[in-house]
Amino acid sequence: MLSQYLLPRMTARSSRYTGLAISRNTLQRRLASSEGQPQLTGAADNAFNRERLAVKQHAAESSDLWRKLMIYVTLPCLLLASLNAKNLWDEHWEHEKHRPPLEERVQYSYQNIRTKAFPWGDGDKTLFWNDKVNYKKPN
């Protein structure tokens, strides 16, 4: 692992100084494994190594499954849910345009009850007060 990292870097640096024209891709191809499936032979062919190889292959297959699920299921669902939320948001504000202005709406006795002043601002508005949707008629 260390040689796979250091050797191409060292040769790339040395080629600048020595004029050697060794391609980085050539070295990386030589260090890369050319085998598709590792073959166990001799003393390495035992139950422990076969089980580890099976676990490694299963992990590769299951990670591929989850990657495909994320790309082909999760991302489209998120996109559709986002579009639905945007449409609902737009419909809501379109509906709000047809309502009377905040100043003309009825203020019921259970709305905006204040027993003591809030410790911020003018003391009359809640922490999440929004002037577009919240209104309190002055007494």
C-alpha atoms as a PDB file:
ATOM      1  CA  MET A   1       0.000   0.000   0.000  1.00  0.00           C
ATOM      2  CA  LEU A   2       2.751   2.392   0.936  1.00  0.00           C
ATOM      3  CA  SER A   3       4.691   1.536  -2.193  1.00  0.00           C
ATOM      4  CA  GLN A   4       1.610   2.133  -4.339  1.00  0.00           C
ATOM      5  CA  TYR A   5       1.448   5.637  -2.942  1.00  0.00           C
ATOM      6  CA  LEU A   6       5.127   6.549  -2.764  1.00  0.00           C
ATOM      7  CA  LEU A   7       6.560   4.939  -5.895  1.00  0.00           C
ATOM      8  CA  PRO A   8       4.546   6.942  -8.456  1.00  0.00           C
ATOM      9  CA  ARG A   9       5.156  10.152  -6.525  1.00  0.00           C
ATOM     10  CA  MET A  10       8.870   9.533  -6.212  1.00  0.00           C
ATOM     11  CA  THR A  11       9.235   8.622  -9.888  1.00  0.00           C
ATOM     12  CA  ALA A  12       7.220  11.658 -10.937  1.00  0.00           C
ATOM     13  CA  ARG A  13       9.472  13.894  -8.865  1.00  0.00           C
ATOM     14  CA  SER A  14      12.658  12.228 -10.020  1.00  0.00           C
ATOM     15  CA  SER A  15      11.606  12.389 -13.674  1.00  0.00           C
ATOM     16  CA  ARG A  16      11.485  16.161 -13.377  1.00  0.00           C
ATOM     17  CA  TYR A  17      15.068  16.266 -12.206  1.00  0.00           C
ATOM     18  CA  THR A  18      16.606  13.379 -14.143  1.00  0.00           C
ATOM     19  CA  GLY A  19      14.695  13.705 -17.388  1.00  0.00           C
ATOM     20  CA  LEU A  20      13.286  10.174 -17.215  1.00  0.00           C
ATOM     21  CA  ALA A  21      10.057   9.882 -19.128  1.00  0.00           C
ATOM     22  CA  ILE A  22       8.301   7.169 -17.132  1.00  0.00           C
ATOM     23  CA  SER A  23       4.573   7.479 -17.405  1.00  0.00           C
ATOM     24  CA  ARG A  24       2.640   7.592 -14.165  1.00  0.00           C
ATOM     25  CA  ASN A  25      -0.114   5.490 -15.726  1.00  0.00           C
ATOM     26  CA  THR A  26       2.350   2.777 -16.631  1.00  0.00           C
ATOM     27  CA  LEU A  27       3.533   2.491 -13.052  1.00  0.00           C
ATOM     28  CA  GLN A  28       0.010   2.512 -11.714  1.00  0.00           C
ATOM     29  CA  ARG A  29      -0.996  -0.255 -14.087  1.00  0.00           C
ATOM     30  CA  ARG A  30       1.926  -2.358 -12.924  1.00  0.00           C
ATOM     31  CA  LEU A  31       0.983  -1.885  -9.282  1.00  0.00           C
ATOM     32  CA  ALA A  32      -2.708  -2.570  -9.846  1.00  0.00           C
ATOM     33  CA  SER A  33      -3.972  -6.097  -9.502  1.00  0.00           C
ATOM     34  CA  SER A  34      -4.818  -7.698 -12.828  1.00  0.00           C
ATOM     35  CA  GLU A  35      -6.763 -10.579 -11.304  1.00  0.00           C
ATOM     36  CA  GLY A  36     -10.543 -10.422 -11.137  1.00  0.00           C
ATOM     37  CA  GLN A  37     -10.945 -12.925  -8.313  1.00  0.00           C
ATOM     38  CA  PRO A  38      -8.032 -13.859  -6.058  1.00  0.00           C
ATOM     39  CA  GLN A  39      -7.230 -17.561  -6.290  1.00  0.00           C
ATOM     40  CA  LEU A  40      -6.183 -19.344  -3.149  1.00  0.00           C
ATOM     41  CA  THR A  41      -3.506 -21.955  -3.685  1.00  0.00           C
ATOM     42  CA  GLY A  42      -1.289 -24.046  -1.455  1.00  0.00           C
ATOM     43  CA  ALA A  43      -1.198 -23.185   2.225  1.00  0.00           C
ATOM     44  CA  ALA A  44      -3.368 -20.105   1.697  1.00  0.00           C
ATOM     45  CA  ASP A  45      -6.286 -22.322   0.635  1.00  0.00           C
ATOM     46  CA  ASN A  46      -7.833 -22.906   4.054  1.00  0.00           C
ATOM     47  CA  ALA A  47     -11.261 -22.394   5.631  1.00  0.00           C
ATOM     48  CA  PHE A  48     -10.374 -19.053   7.204  1.00  0.00           C
ATOM     49  CA  ASN A  49      -9.137 -17.480   3.967  1.00  0.00           C
ATOM     50  CA  ARG A  50     -12.069 -18.908   1.978  1.00  0.00           C
ATOM     51  CA  GLU A  51     -14.510 -17.410   4.488  1.00  0.00           C
ATOM     52  CA  ARG A  52     -12.753 -14.035   4.364  1.00  0.00           C
ATOM     53  CA  LEU A  53     -12.872 -14.125   0.565  1.00  0.00           C
ATOM     54  CA  ALA A  54     -16.616 -14.930   0.676  1.00  0.00           C
ATOM     55  CA  VAL A  55     -17.228 -12.054   3.104  1.00  0.00           C
ATOM     56  CA  LYS A  56     -15.274  -9.680   0.860  1.00  0.00           C
ATOM     57  CA  GLN A  57     -17.266 -10.727  -2.208  1.00  0.00           C
ATOM     58  CA  HIS A  58     -20.567 -10.390  -0.300  1.00  0.00           C
ATOM     59  CA  ALA A  59     -19.565  -6.914   0.884  1.00  0.00           C
ATOM     60  CA  ALA A  60     -18.803  -5.868  -2.692  1.00  0.00           C
ATOM     61  CA  GLU A  61     -22.169  -7.158  -3.905  1.00  0.00           C
ATOM     62  CA  SER A  62     -24.171  -5.566  -1.095  1.00  0.00           C
ATOM     63  CA  SER A  63     -22.393  -2.217  -1.432  1.00  0.00           C
ATOM     64  CA  ASP A  64     -23.223  -2.278  -5.133  1.00  0.00           C
ATOM     65  CA  LEU A  65     -26.870  -2.975  -4.273  1.00  0.00           C
ATOM     66  CA  TRP A  66     -27.046  -0.036  -1.850  1.00  0.00           C
ATOM     67  CA  ARG A  67     -25.329   2.258  -4.353  1.00  0.00           C
ATOM     68  CA  LYS A  68     -27.905   1.328  -7.003  1.00  0.00           C
ATOM     69  CA  LEU A  69     -30.754   1.806  -4.525  1.00  0.00           C
ATOM     70  CA  MET A  70     -29.476   5.251  -3.647  1.00  0.00           C
ATOM     71  CA  ILE A  71     -29.078   6.319  -7.268  1.00  0.00           C
ATOM     72  CA  TYR A  72     -32.222   4.790  -8.767  1.00  0.00           C
ATOM     73  CA  VAL A  73     -34.686   4.919  -5.841  1.00  0.00           C
ATOM     74  CA  THR A  74     -33.692   7.446  -3.191  1.00  0.00           C
ATOM     75  CA  LEU A  75     -32.626  10.337  -5.410  1.00  0.00           C
ATOM     76  CA  PRO A  76     -35.759  10.222  -7.630  1.00  0.00           C
ATOM     77  CA  CYS A  77     -37.969   9.994  -4.514  1.00  0.00           C
ATOM     78  CA  LEU A  78     -36.225  13.021  -3.024  1.00  0.00           C
ATOM     79  CA  LEU A  79     -36.657  14.904  -6.283  1.00  0.00           C
ATOM     80  CA  LEU A  80     -40.387  14.090  -6.451  1.00  0.00           C
ATOM     81  CA  ALA A  81     -40.892  15.000  -2.797  1.00  0.00           C
ATOM     82  CA  SER A  82     -39.098  18.315  -3.363  1.00  0.00           C
ATOM     83  CA  LEU A  83     -41.267  19.126  -6.358  1.00  0.00           C
ATOM     84  CA  ASN A  84     -44.397  18.259  -4.374  1.00  0.00           C
ATOM     85  CA  ALA A  85     -43.309  20.480  -1.471  1.00  0.00           C
ATOM     86  CA  LYS A  86     -42.565  23.358  -3.860  1.00  0.00           C
ATOM     87  CA  ASN A  87     -46.012  23.012  -5.492  1.00  0.00           C
ATOM     88  CA  LEU A  88     -47.751  22.945  -2.101  1.00  0.00           C
ATOM     89  CA  TRP A  89     -45.754  25.983  -0.988  1.00  0.00           C
ATOM     90  CA  ASP A  90     -46.748  27.926  -4.106  1.00  0.00           C
ATOM     91  CA  GLU A  91     -50.414  26.911  -3.742  1.00  0.00           C
ATOM     92  CA  HIS A  92     -50.409  28.036  -0.120  1.00  0.00           C
ATOM     93  CA  TRP A  93     -49.061  31.497  -0.907  1.00  0.00           C
ATOM     94  CA  GLU A  94     -51.431  31.821  -3.861  1.00  0.00           C
ATOM     95  CA  HIS A  95     -54.285  31.076  -1.475  1.00  0.00           C
ATOM     96  CA  GLU A  96     -52.953  33.624   1.032  1.00  0.00           C
ATOM     97  CA  LYS A  97     -53.087  36.364  -1.619  1.00  0.00           C
ATOM     98  CA  HIS A  98     -56.889  36.054  -1.759  1.00  0.00           C
ATOM     99  CA  ARG A  99     -57.394  36.508   1.976  1.00  0.00           C
ATOM    100  CA  PRO A 100     -58.026  39.939   3.475  1.00  0.00           C
ATOM    101  CA  PRO A 101     -55.028  41.914   4.771  1.00  0.00           C
ATOM    102  CA  LEU A 102     -53.735  41.059   8.241  1.00  0.00           C
ATOM    103  CA  GLU A 103     -55.106  44.288   9.709  1.00  0.00           C
ATOM    104  CA  GLU A 104     -58.678  43.453   8.628  1.00  0.00           C
ATOM    105  CA  ARG A 105     -58.774  39.882   9.925  1.00  0.00           C
ATOM    106  CA  VAL A 106     -60.673  38.968  13.053  1.00  0.00           C
ATOM    107  CA  GLN A 107     -58.531  38.623  16.152  1.00  0.00           C
ATOM    108  CA  TYR A 108     -60.027  36.094  18.513  1.00  0.00           C
ATOM    109  CA  SER A 109     -59.654  36.277  22.294  1.00  0.00           C
ATOM    110  CA  TYR A 110     -57.424  33.192  22.433  1.00  0.00           C
ATOM    111  CA  GLN A 111     -54.857  34.640  20.004  1.00  0.00           C
ATOM    112  CA  ASN A 112     -51.775  36.577  21.110  1.00  0.00           C
ATOM    113  CA  ILE A 113     -52.375  36.229  24.853  1.00  0.00           C
ATOM    114  CA  ARG A 114     -49.578  37.978  26.781  1.00  0.00           C
ATOM    115  CA  THR A 115     -49.281  37.564  30.562  1.00  0.00           C
ATOM    116  CA  LYS A 116     -45.850  39.176  30.678  1.00  0.00           C
ATOM    117  CA  ALA A 117     -43.494  40.779  28.199  1.00  0.00           C
ATOM    118  CA  PHE A 118     -40.993  38.677  26.261  1.00  0.00           C
ATOM    119  CA  PRO A 119     -37.346  39.400  27.164  1.00  0.00           C
ATOM    120  CA  TRP A 120     -36.439  40.345  23.556  1.00  0.00           C
ATOM    121  CA  GLY A 121     -37.396  43.076  21.144  1.00  0.00           C
ATOM    122  CA  ASP A 122     -40.364  45.214  22.166  1.00  0.00           C
ATOM    123  CA  GLY A 123     -41.623  42.397  24.436  1.00  0.00           C
ATOM    124  CA  ASP A 124     -44.794  41.891  22.420  1.00  0.00           C
ATOM    125  CA  LYS A 125     -43.609  39.562  19.636  1.00  0.00           C
ATOM    126  CA  THR A 126     -42.767  35.890  20.061  1.00  0.00           C
ATOM    127  CA  LEU A 127     -39.339  34.535  19.225  1.00  0.00           C
ATOM    128  CA  PHE A 128     -40.523  33.203  15.860  1.00  0.00           C
ATOM    129  CA  TRP A 129     -42.688  36.180  14.921  1.00  0.00           C
ATOM    130  CA  ASN A 130     -43.201  36.589  11.190  1.00  0.00           C
ATOM    131  CA  ASP A 131     -44.659  39.901  10.050  1.00  0.00           C
ATOM    132  CA  LYS A 132     -46.053  38.308   6.870  1.00  0.00           C
ATOM    133  CA  VAL A 133     -48.379  35.954   8.740  1.00  0.00           C
ATOM    134  CA  ASN A 134     -48.550  37.189  12.353  1.00  0.00           C
ATOM    135  CA  TYR A 135     -50.407  40.290  13.428  1.00  0.00           C
ATOM    136  CA  LYS A 136     -51.544  41.641  16.758  1.00  0.00           C
ATOM    137  CA  LYS A 137     -54.004  44.459  16.837  1.00  0.00           C
ATOM    138  CA  PRO A 138     -52.952  47.235  19.171  1.00  0.00           C
ATOM    139  CA  ASN A 139     -55.130  47.572  22.270  1.00  0.00           C
END
